[in-house]
């Protein structure tokens, strides 16, 4: 099963399999999504879900706090879609 992910920063809508992370789908589609570690430890791919829902793979609390999660923030490298999703990356100085 695949969902549509809209990367608001670029306006691109891409396919993302349910077992794929938003980051994997974006990079695979040629989007220059900000990231460094891709393991949930650095927060370079911190993003905000503007629509839809994701599930999160394990990540470091140092990369994403409970307060940030409550604000709708996710790590694109750990976020798998549960529906069609719209995300905006906050990295590169946009936190």
PDB file of N, CA and C in Angstrom:
ATOM      1  N   UNK A   1       0.845  -1.174   0.000  1.00  0.00           N
ATOM      2  CA  UNK A   1       0.000   0.000   0.000  1.00  0.00           C
ATOM      3  C   UNK A   1       0.889   1.235   0.000  1.00  0.00           C
ATOM      4  N   UNK A   2       0.502   2.229  -0.771  1.00  0.00           N
ATOM      5  CA  UNK A   2       1.264   3.471  -0.844  1.00  0.00           C
ATOM      6  C   UNK A   2       0.347   4.651  -0.550  1.00  0.00           C
ATOM      7  N   UNK A   3       0.937   5.671   0.013  1.00  0.00           N
ATOM      8  CA  UNK A   3       0.227   6.905   0.320  1.00  0.00           C
ATOM      9  C   UNK A   3       0.886   8.045  -0.446  1.00  0.00           C
ATOM     10  N   UNK A   4       0.175   9.152  -0.580  1.00  0.00           N
ATOM     11  CA  UNK A   4       0.754  10.348  -1.178  1.00  0.00           C
ATOM     12  C   UNK A   4       1.315  11.224  -0.070  1.00  0.00           C
ATOM     13  N   UNK A   5       2.537  11.690  -0.275  1.00  0.00           N
ATOM     14  CA  UNK A   5       3.173  12.619   0.647  1.00  0.00           C
ATOM     15  C   UNK A   5       3.435  13.904  -0.109  1.00  0.00           C
ATOM     16  N   UNK A   6       2.900  14.996   0.385  1.00  0.00           N
ATOM     17  CA  UNK A   6       3.167  16.306  -0.197  1.00  0.00           C
ATOM     18  C   UNK A   6       4.227  16.983   0.651  1.00  0.00           C
ATOM     19  N   UNK A   7       5.324  17.344   0.021  1.00  0.00           N
ATOM     20  CA  UNK A   7       6.393  18.081   0.697  1.00  0.00           C
ATOM     21  C   UNK A   7       6.126  19.556   0.420  1.00  0.00           C
ATOM     22  N   UNK A   8       5.573  20.227   1.401  1.00  0.00           N
ATOM     23  CA  UNK A   8       5.087  21.589   1.230  1.00  0.00           C
ATOM     24  C   UNK A   8       6.200  22.528   0.765  1.00  0.00           C
ATOM     25  N   UNK A   9       7.407  22.338   1.253  1.00  0.00           N
ATOM     26  CA  UNK A   9       8.527  23.216   0.894  1.00  0.00           C
ATOM     27  C   UNK A   9       8.756  23.269  -0.612  1.00  0.00           C
ATOM     28  N   UNK A  10       8.512  22.163  -1.295  1.00  0.00           N
ATOM     29  CA  UNK A  10       8.773  22.095  -2.736  1.00  0.00           C
ATOM     30  C   UNK A  10       7.495  22.048  -3.563  1.00  0.00           C
ATOM     31  N   UNK A  11       6.370  21.728  -2.921  1.00  0.00           N
ATOM     32  CA  UNK A  11       5.120  21.563  -3.637  1.00  0.00           C
ATOM     33  C   UNK A  11       4.990  20.205  -4.306  1.00  0.00           C
ATOM     34  N   UNK A  12       5.987  19.344  -4.151  1.00  0.00           N
ATOM     35  CA  UNK A  12       5.979  18.027  -4.790  1.00  0.00           C
ATOM     36  C   UNK A  12       5.092  17.065  -4.012  1.00  0.00           C
ATOM     37  N   UNK A  13       4.369  16.233  -4.741  1.00  0.00           N
ATOM     38  CA  UNK A  13       3.611  15.134  -4.154  1.00  0.00           C
ATOM     39  C   UNK A  13       4.217  13.841  -4.681  1.00  0.00           C
ATOM     40  N   UNK A  14       4.598  12.975  -3.741  1.00  0.00           N
ATOM     41  CA  UNK A  14       5.296  11.738  -4.095  1.00  0.00           C
ATOM     42  C   UNK A  14       4.586  10.543  -3.489  1.00  0.00           C
ATOM     43  N   UNK A  15       4.884   9.369  -4.003  1.00  0.00           N
ATOM     44  CA  UNK A  15       4.358   8.128  -3.423  1.00  0.00           C
ATOM     45  C   UNK A  15       5.281   7.674  -2.300  1.00  0.00           C
ATOM     46  N   UNK A  16       4.680   7.163  -1.237  1.00  0.00           N
ATOM     47  CA  UNK A  16       5.450   6.636  -0.104  1.00  0.00           C
ATOM     48  C   UNK A  16       4.772   5.365   0.371  1.00  0.00           C
ATOM     49  N   UNK A  17       5.470   4.254   0.294  1.00  0.00           N
ATOM     50  CA  UNK A  17       4.933   2.979   0.760  1.00  0.00           C
ATOM     51  C   UNK A  17       4.747   3.019   2.267  1.00  0.00           C
ATOM     52  N   UNK A  18       3.811   2.238   2.760  1.00  0.00           N
ATOM     53  CA  UNK A  18       3.529   2.208   4.196  1.00  0.00           C
ATOM     54  C   UNK A  18       4.730   1.754   5.012  1.00  0.00           C
ATOM     55  N   UNK A  19       5.635   0.966   4.403  1.00  0.00           N
ATOM     56  CA  UNK A  19       6.820   0.493   5.116  1.00  0.00           C
ATOM     57  C   UNK A  19       8.061   1.329   4.808  1.00  0.00           C
ATOM     58  N   UNK A  20       7.856   2.515   4.279  1.00  0.00           N
ATOM     59  CA  UNK A  20       8.947   3.426   3.895  1.00  0.00           C
ATOM     60  C   UNK A  20       8.802   4.699   4.723  1.00  0.00           C
ATOM     61  N   UNK A  21       9.923   5.329   5.047  1.00  0.00           N
ATOM     62  CA  UNK A  21       9.835   6.595   5.766  1.00  0.00           C
ATOM     63  C   UNK A  21       9.634   7.738   4.779  1.00  0.00           C
ATOM     64  N   UNK A  22       9.137   8.826   5.303  1.00  0.00           N
ATOM     65  CA  UNK A  22       8.950  10.028   4.480  1.00  0.00           C
ATOM     66  C   UNK A  22      10.284  10.445   3.862  1.00  0.00           C
ATOM     67  N   UNK A  23      11.352  10.375   4.639  1.00  0.00           N
ATOM     68  CA  UNK A  23      12.669  10.755   4.125  1.00  0.00           C
ATOM     69  C   UNK A  23      13.116   9.838   2.992  1.00  0.00           C
ATOM     70  N   UNK A  24      12.960   8.538   3.171  1.00  0.00           N
ATOM     71  CA  UNK A  24      13.353   7.593   2.116  1.00  0.00           C
ATOM     72  C   UNK A  24      12.608   7.882   0.817  1.00  0.00           C
ATOM     73  N   UNK A  25      11.307   8.134   0.924  1.00  0.00           N
ATOM     74  CA  UNK A  25      10.505   8.414  -0.266  1.00  0.00           C
ATOM     75  C   UNK A  25      10.932   9.726  -0.919  1.00  0.00           C
ATOM     76  N   UNK A  26      11.178  10.742  -0.105  1.00  0.00           N
ATOM     77  CA  UNK A  26      11.556  12.051  -0.645  1.00  0.00           C
ATOM     78  C   UNK A  26      12.906  11.990  -1.346  1.00  0.00           C
ATOM     79  N   UNK A  27      13.891  11.410  -0.705  1.00  0.00           N
ATOM     80  CA  UNK A  27      15.226  11.308  -1.311  1.00  0.00           C
ATOM     81  C   UNK A  27      15.159  10.443  -2.570  1.00  0.00           C
ATOM     82  N   UNK A  28      14.400   9.352  -2.520  1.00  0.00           N
ATOM     83  CA  UNK A  28      14.237   8.482  -3.674  1.00  0.00           C
ATOM     84  C   UNK A  28      13.580   9.186  -4.853  1.00  0.00           C
ATOM     85  N   UNK A  29      12.765  10.200  -4.549  1.00  0.00           N
ATOM     86  CA  UNK A  29      12.094  10.971  -5.596  1.00  0.00           C
ATOM     87  C   UNK A  29      12.926  12.160  -6.061  1.00  0.00           C
ATOM     88  N   UNK A  30      14.144  12.307  -5.508  1.00  0.00           N
ATOM     89  CA  UNK A  30      15.030  13.382  -5.934  1.00  0.00           C
ATOM     90  C   UNK A  30      14.836  14.696  -5.208  1.00  0.00           C
ATOM     91  N   UNK A  31      14.108  14.685  -4.095  1.00  0.00           N
ATOM     92  CA  UNK A  31      13.900  15.903  -3.312  1.00  0.00           C
ATOM     93  C   UNK A  31      15.089  16.100  -2.378  1.00  0.00           C
ATOM     94  N   UNK A  32      15.613  17.295  -2.337  1.00  0.00           N
ATOM     95  CA  UNK A  32      16.759  17.631  -1.493  1.00  0.00           C
ATOM     96  C   UNK A  32      16.286  17.896  -0.067  1.00  0.00           C
ATOM     97  N   UNK A  33      15.780  16.858   0.580  1.00  0.00           N
ATOM     98  CA  UNK A  33      15.245  16.947   1.944  1.00  0.00           C
ATOM     99  C   UNK A  33      16.423  17.010   2.909  1.00  0.00           C
ATOM    100  N   UNK A  34      16.404  17.909   3.871  1.00  0.00           N
ATOM    101  CA  UNK A  34      17.540  17.992   4.800  1.00  0.00           C
ATOM    102  C   UNK A  34      17.594  16.790   5.744  1.00  0.00           C
ATOM    103  N   UNK A  35      18.762  16.198   5.853  1.00  0.00           N
ATOM    104  CA  UNK A  35      18.989  15.115   6.815  1.00  0.00           C
ATOM    105  C   UNK A  35      20.486  14.924   6.972  1.00  0.00           C
ATOM    106  N   UNK A  36      20.852  14.249   8.044  1.00  0.00           N
ATOM    107  CA  UNK A  36      22.250  13.920   8.288  1.00  0.00           C
ATOM    108  C   UNK A  36      22.394  12.443   8.614  1.00  0.00           C
ATOM    109  N   UNK A  37      21.835  12.015   9.741  1.00  0.00           N
ATOM    110  CA  UNK A  37      22.080  10.643  10.200  1.00  0.00           C
ATOM    111  C   UNK A  37      21.088   9.618   9.652  1.00  0.00           C
ATOM    112  N   UNK A  38      19.856  10.020   9.419  1.00  0.00           N
ATOM    113  CA  UNK A  38      18.779   9.127   8.963  1.00  0.00           C
ATOM    114  C   UNK A  38      18.483   8.001   9.948  1.00  0.00           C
ATOM    115  N   UNK A  39      18.853   8.180  11.221  1.00  0.00           N
ATOM    116  CA  UNK A  39      18.600   7.161  12.239  1.00  0.00           C
ATOM    117  C   UNK A  39      17.839   7.700  13.453  1.00  0.00           C
ATOM    118  N   UNK A  40      17.355   8.931  13.388  1.00  0.00           N
ATOM    119  CA  UNK A  40      16.592   9.496  14.490  1.00  0.00           C
ATOM    120  C   UNK A  40      17.411  10.035  15.625  1.00  0.00           C
ATOM    121  N   UNK A  41      18.651  10.430  15.344  1.00  0.00           N
ATOM    122  CA  UNK A  41      19.527  10.932  16.405  1.00  0.00           C
ATOM    123  C   UNK A  41      19.932  12.394  16.281  1.00  0.00           C
ATOM    124  N   UNK A  42      19.814  12.997  15.092  1.00  0.00           N
ATOM    125  CA  UNK A  42      20.397  14.327  14.908  1.00  0.00           C
ATOM    126  C   UNK A  42      19.393  15.476  14.783  1.00  0.00           C
ATOM    127  N   UNK A  43      18.160  15.207  14.411  1.00  0.00           N
ATOM    128  CA  UNK A  43      17.092  16.210  14.247  1.00  0.00           C
ATOM    129  C   UNK A  43      17.240  17.086  13.008  1.00  0.00           C
ATOM    130  N   UNK A  44      18.159  16.772  12.118  1.00  0.00           N
ATOM    131  CA  UNK A  44      18.306  17.582  10.907  1.00  0.00           C
ATOM    132  C   UNK A  44      17.066  17.504  10.021  1.00  0.00           C
ATOM    133  N   UNK A  45      16.310  16.412  10.112  1.00  0.00           N
ATOM    134  CA  UNK A  45      15.125  16.225   9.266  1.00  0.00           C
ATOM    135  C   UNK A  45      13.830  16.554  10.004  1.00  0.00           C
ATOM    136  N   UNK A  46      13.930  17.318  11.094  1.00  0.00           N
ATOM    137  CA  UNK A  46      12.724  17.653  11.850  1.00  0.00           C
ATOM    138  C   UNK A  46      11.720  18.329  10.919  1.00  0.00           C
ATOM    139  N   UNK A  47      10.483  17.887  11.026  1.00  0.00           N
ATOM    140  CA  UNK A  47       9.426  18.333  10.132  1.00  0.00           C
ATOM    141  C   UNK A  47       8.133  18.475  10.914  1.00  0.00           C
ATOM    142  N   UNK A  48       7.180  19.153  10.295  1.00  0.00           N
ATOM    143  CA  UNK A  48       5.863  19.294  10.899  1.00  0.00           C
ATOM    144  C   UNK A  48       4.836  18.650   9.983  1.00  0.00           C
ATOM    145  N   UNK A  49       3.987  17.819  10.561  1.00  0.00           N
ATOM    146  CA  UNK A  49       2.904  17.213   9.803  1.00  0.00           C
ATOM    147  C   UNK A  49       1.762  18.220   9.773  1.00  0.00           C
ATOM    148  N   UNK A  50       1.416  18.691   8.567  1.00  0.00           N
ATOM    149  CA  UNK A  50       0.338  19.668   8.436  1.00  0.00           C
ATOM    150  C   UNK A  50      -0.999  19.006   8.142  1.00  0.00           C
ATOM    151  N   UNK A  51      -0.969  17.789   7.615  1.00  0.00           N
ATOM    152  CA  UNK A  51      -2.193  17.040   7.353  1.00  0.00           C
ATOM    153  C   UNK A  51      -1.856  15.558   7.334  1.00  0.00           C
ATOM    154  N   UNK A  52      -2.790  14.725   7.758  1.00  0.00           N
ATOM    155  CA  UNK A  52      -2.569  13.286   7.744  1.00  0.00           C
ATOM    156  C   UNK A  52      -1.940  12.801   9.032  1.00  0.00           C
ATOM    157  N   UNK A  53      -1.531  11.531   8.999  1.00  0.00           N
ATOM    158  CA  UNK A  53      -0.979  10.898  10.201  1.00  0.00           C
ATOM    159  C   UNK A  53       0.196  10.002   9.834  1.00  0.00           C
ATOM    160  N   UNK A  54       1.137   9.907  10.767  1.00  0.00           N
ATOM    161  CA  UNK A  54       2.310   9.049  10.599  1.00  0.00           C
ATOM    162  C   UNK A  54       2.511   8.229  11.867  1.00  0.00           C
ATOM    163  N   UNK A  55       3.231   7.133  11.743  1.00  0.00           N
ATOM    164  CA  UNK A  55       3.719   6.403  12.913  1.00  0.00           C
ATOM    165  C   UNK A  55       5.223   6.633  12.954  1.00  0.00           C
ATOM    166  N   UNK A  56       5.770   6.593  14.158  1.00  0.00           N
ATOM    167  CA  UNK A  56       7.191   6.872  14.311  1.00  0.00           C
ATOM    168  C   UNK A  56       7.956   5.618  14.718  1.00  0.00           C
ATOM    169  N   UNK A  57       9.040   5.355  14.008  1.00  0.00           N
ATOM    170  CA  UNK A  57       9.991   4.329  14.409  1.00  0.00           C
ATOM    171  C   UNK A  57      10.763   4.864  15.612  1.00  0.00           C
ATOM    172  N   UNK A  58      11.475   4.024  16.352  1.00  0.00           N
ATOM    173  CA  UNK A  58      12.238   4.510  17.507  1.00  0.00           C
ATOM    174  C   UNK A  58      13.237   5.606  17.120  1.00  0.00           C
ATOM    175  N   UNK A  59      13.392   6.562  18.033  1.00  0.00           N
ATOM    176  CA  UNK A  59      14.297   7.701  17.819  1.00  0.00           C
ATOM    177  C   UNK A  59      14.813   8.182  19.169  1.00  0.00           C
ATOM    178  N   UNK A  60      15.825   9.020  19.138  1.00  0.00           N
ATOM    179  CA  UNK A  60      16.413   9.560  20.355  1.00  0.00           C
ATOM    180  C   UNK A  60      15.569  10.718  20.897  1.00  0.00           C
ATOM    181  N   UNK A  61      15.342  10.717  22.209  1.00  0.00           N
ATOM    182  CA  UNK A  61      14.637  11.831  22.842  1.00  0.00           C
ATOM    183  C   UNK A  61      15.417  13.134  22.701  1.00  0.00           C
ATOM    184  N   UNK A  62      16.722  13.038  22.465  1.00  0.00           N
ATOM    185  CA  UNK A  62      17.531  14.236  22.258  1.00  0.00           C
ATOM    186  C   UNK A  62      17.239  14.883  20.904  1.00  0.00           C
ATOM    187  N   UNK A  63      16.719  14.102  19.956  1.00  0.00           N
ATOM    188  CA  UNK A  63      16.415  14.627  18.627  1.00  0.00           C
ATOM    189  C   UNK A  63      15.020  15.233  18.554  1.00  0.00           C
ATOM    190  N   UNK A  64      14.095  14.706  19.339  1.00  0.00           N
ATOM    191  CA  UNK A  64      12.708  15.162  19.293  1.00  0.00           C
ATOM    192  C   UNK A  64      12.104  15.001  20.681  1.00  0.00           C
ATOM    193  N   UNK A  65      11.711  16.113  21.277  1.00  0.00           N
ATOM    194  CA  UNK A  65      11.176  16.080  22.641  1.00  0.00           C
ATOM    195  C   UNK A  65       9.674  15.778  22.635  1.00  0.00           C
ATOM    196  N   UNK A  66       9.164  15.428  23.790  1.00  0.00           N
ATOM    197  CA  UNK A  66       7.732  15.173  23.930  1.00  0.00           C
ATOM    198  C   UNK A  66       6.925  16.424  23.610  1.00  0.00           C
ATOM    199  N   UNK A  67       7.439  17.579  23.966  1.00  0.00           N
ATOM    200  CA  UNK A  67       6.755  18.845  23.652  1.00  0.00           C
ATOM    201  C   UNK A  67       6.661  19.026  22.139  1.00  0.00           C
ATOM    202  N   UNK A  68       7.755  18.759  21.424  1.00  0.00           N
ATOM    203  CA  UNK A  68       7.739  18.878  19.963  1.00  0.00           C
ATOM    204  C   UNK A  68       6.746  17.893  19.338  1.00  0.00           C
ATOM    205  N   UNK A  69       6.705  16.670  19.845  1.00  0.00           N
ATOM    206  CA  UNK A  69       5.748  15.682  19.343  1.00  0.00           C
ATOM    207  C   UNK A  69       4.329  16.208  19.537  1.00  0.00           C
ATOM    208  N   UNK A  70       4.069  16.798  20.691  1.00  0.00           N
ATOM    209  CA  UNK A  70       2.760  17.380  20.973  1.00  0.00           C
ATOM    210  C   UNK A  70       2.399  18.525  20.042  1.00  0.00           C
ATOM    211  N   UNK A  71       3.405  19.158  19.480  1.00  0.00           N
ATOM    212  CA  UNK A  71       3.197  20.258  18.528  1.00  0.00           C
ATOM    213  C   UNK A  71       3.056  19.754  17.092  1.00  0.00           C
ATOM    214  N   UNK A  72       3.092  18.429  16.899  1.00  0.00           N
ATOM    215  CA  UNK A  72       2.941  17.873  15.561  1.00  0.00           C
ATOM    216  C   UNK A  72       4.235  17.707  14.790  1.00  0.00           C
ATOM    217  N   UNK A  73       5.350  17.803  15.495  1.00  0.00           N
ATOM    218  CA  UNK A  73       6.644  17.647  14.833  1.00  0.00           C
ATOM    219  C   UNK A  73       7.048  16.172  14.801  1.00  0.00           C
ATOM    220  N   UNK A  74       7.780  15.812  13.750  1.00  0.00           N
ATOM    221  CA  UNK A  74       8.254  14.439  13.560  1.00  0.00           C
ATOM    222  C   UNK A  74       9.663  14.488  12.993  1.00  0.00           C
ATOM    223  N   UNK A  75      10.306  13.355  12.980  1.00  0.00           N
ATOM    224  CA  UNK A  75      11.571  13.202  12.271  1.00  0.00           C
ATOM    225  C   UNK A  75      11.241  12.460  10.978  1.00  0.00           C
ATOM    226  N   UNK A  76      11.502  13.071   9.836  1.00  0.00           N
ATOM    227  CA  UNK A  76      11.151  12.467   8.550  1.00  0.00           C
ATOM    228  C   UNK A  76      11.823  11.111   8.367  1.00  0.00           C
ATOM    229  N   UNK A  77      12.993  10.924   8.967  1.00  0.00           N
ATOM    230  CA  UNK A  77      13.712   9.654   8.825  1.00  0.00           C
ATOM    231  C   UNK A  77      13.081   8.534   9.632  1.00  0.00           C
ATOM    232  N   UNK A  78      12.166   8.853  10.532  1.00  0.00           N
ATOM    233  CA  UNK A  78      11.535   7.844  11.383  1.00  0.00           C
ATOM    234  C   UNK A  78      10.019   7.796  11.172  1.00  0.00           C
ATOM    235  N   UNK A  79       9.473   8.680  10.339  1.00  0.00           N
ATOM    236  CA  UNK A  79       8.029   8.792  10.139  1.00  0.00           C
ATOM    237  C   UNK A  79       7.561   7.966   8.947  1.00  0.00           C
ATOM    238  N   UNK A  80       6.617   7.059   9.199  1.00  0.00           N
ATOM    239  CA  UNK A  80       5.994   6.255   8.147  1.00  0.00           C
ATOM    240  C   UNK A  80       4.535   6.694   8.034  1.00  0.00           C
ATOM    241  N   UNK A  81       4.039   6.879   6.817  1.00  0.00           N
ATOM    242  CA  UNK A  81       2.666   7.377   6.665  1.00  0.00           C
ATOM    243  C   UNK A  81       1.615   6.337   7.063  1.00  0.00           C
ATOM    244  N   UNK A  82       0.549   6.829   7.666  1.00  0.00           N
ATOM    245  CA  UNK A  82      -0.624   6.016   7.963  1.00  0.00           C
ATOM    246  C   UNK A  82      -1.793   6.434   7.073  1.00  0.00           C
ATOM    247  N   UNK A  83      -1.589   7.538   6.333  1.00  0.00           N
ATOM    248  CA  UNK A  83      -2.587   8.099   5.430  1.00  0.00           C
ATOM    249  C   UNK A  83      -1.829   9.002   4.462  1.00  0.00           C
ATOM    250  N   UNK A  84      -2.542   9.658   3.562  1.00  0.00           N
ATOM    251  CA  UNK A  84      -1.896  10.699   2.775  1.00  0.00           C
ATOM    252  C   UNK A  84      -1.455  11.783   3.754  1.00  0.00           C
ATOM    253  N   UNK A  85      -0.290  12.377   3.499  1.00  0.00           N
ATOM    254  CA  UNK A  85       0.336  13.284   4.462  1.00  0.00           C
ATOM    255  C   UNK A  85       0.865  14.525   3.750  1.00  0.00           C
ATOM    256  N   UNK A  86       0.816  15.649   4.452  1.00  0.00           N
ATOM    257  CA  UNK A  86       1.501  16.867   4.016  1.00  0.00           C
ATOM    258  C   UNK A  86       2.495  17.224   5.112  1.00  0.00           C
ATOM    259  N   UNK A  87       3.774  17.385   4.732  1.00  0.00           N
ATOM    260  CA  UNK A  87       4.819  17.723   5.697  1.00  0.00           C
ATOM    261  C   UNK A  87       5.606  18.932   5.210  1.00  0.00           C
ATOM    262  N   UNK A  88       6.120  19.673   6.152  1.00  0.00           N
ATOM    263  CA  UNK A  88       7.028  20.770   5.843  1.00  0.00           C
ATOM    264  C   UNK A  88       8.282  20.557   6.678  1.00  0.00           C
ATOM    265  N   UNK A  89       9.451  20.595   6.028  1.00  0.00           N
ATOM    266  CA  UNK A  89      10.672  20.416   6.814  1.00  0.00           C
ATOM    267  C   UNK A  89      11.000  21.715   7.510  1.00  0.00           C
ATOM    268  N   UNK A  90      11.549  21.602   8.705  1.00  0.00           N
ATOM    269  CA  UNK A  90      11.891  22.753   9.524  1.00  0.00           C
ATOM    270  C   UNK A  90      13.384  22.922   9.647  1.00  0.00           C
ATOM    271  N   UNK A  91      14.171  22.006   9.073  1.00  0.00           N
ATOM    272  CA  UNK A  91      15.625  22.075   9.108  1.00  0.00           C
ATOM    273  C   UNK A  91      16.141  23.249   8.295  1.00  0.00           C
ATOM    274  N   UNK A  92      17.428  23.328   8.182  1.00  0.00           N
ATOM    275  CA  UNK A  92      18.080  24.430   7.460  1.00  0.00           C
ATOM    276  C   UNK A  92      17.625  25.792   7.986  1.00  0.00           C
ATOM    277  N   UNK A  93      17.615  25.907   9.314  1.00  0.00           N
ATOM    278  CA  UNK A  93      17.329  27.197   9.915  1.00  0.00           C
ATOM    279  C   UNK A  93      15.857  27.535  10.057  1.00  0.00           C
ATOM    280  N   UNK A  94      14.935  26.593   9.811  1.00  0.00           N
ATOM    281  CA  UNK A  94      13.513  26.902   9.888  1.00  0.00           C
ATOM    282  C   UNK A  94      12.853  26.332  11.124  1.00  0.00           C
ATOM    283  N   UNK A  95      13.569  26.102  12.189  1.00  0.00           N
ATOM    284  CA  UNK A  95      12.968  25.565  13.418  1.00  0.00           C
ATOM    285  C   UNK A  95      12.166  26.641  14.029  1.00  0.00           C
TER     286      UNK A  95
END
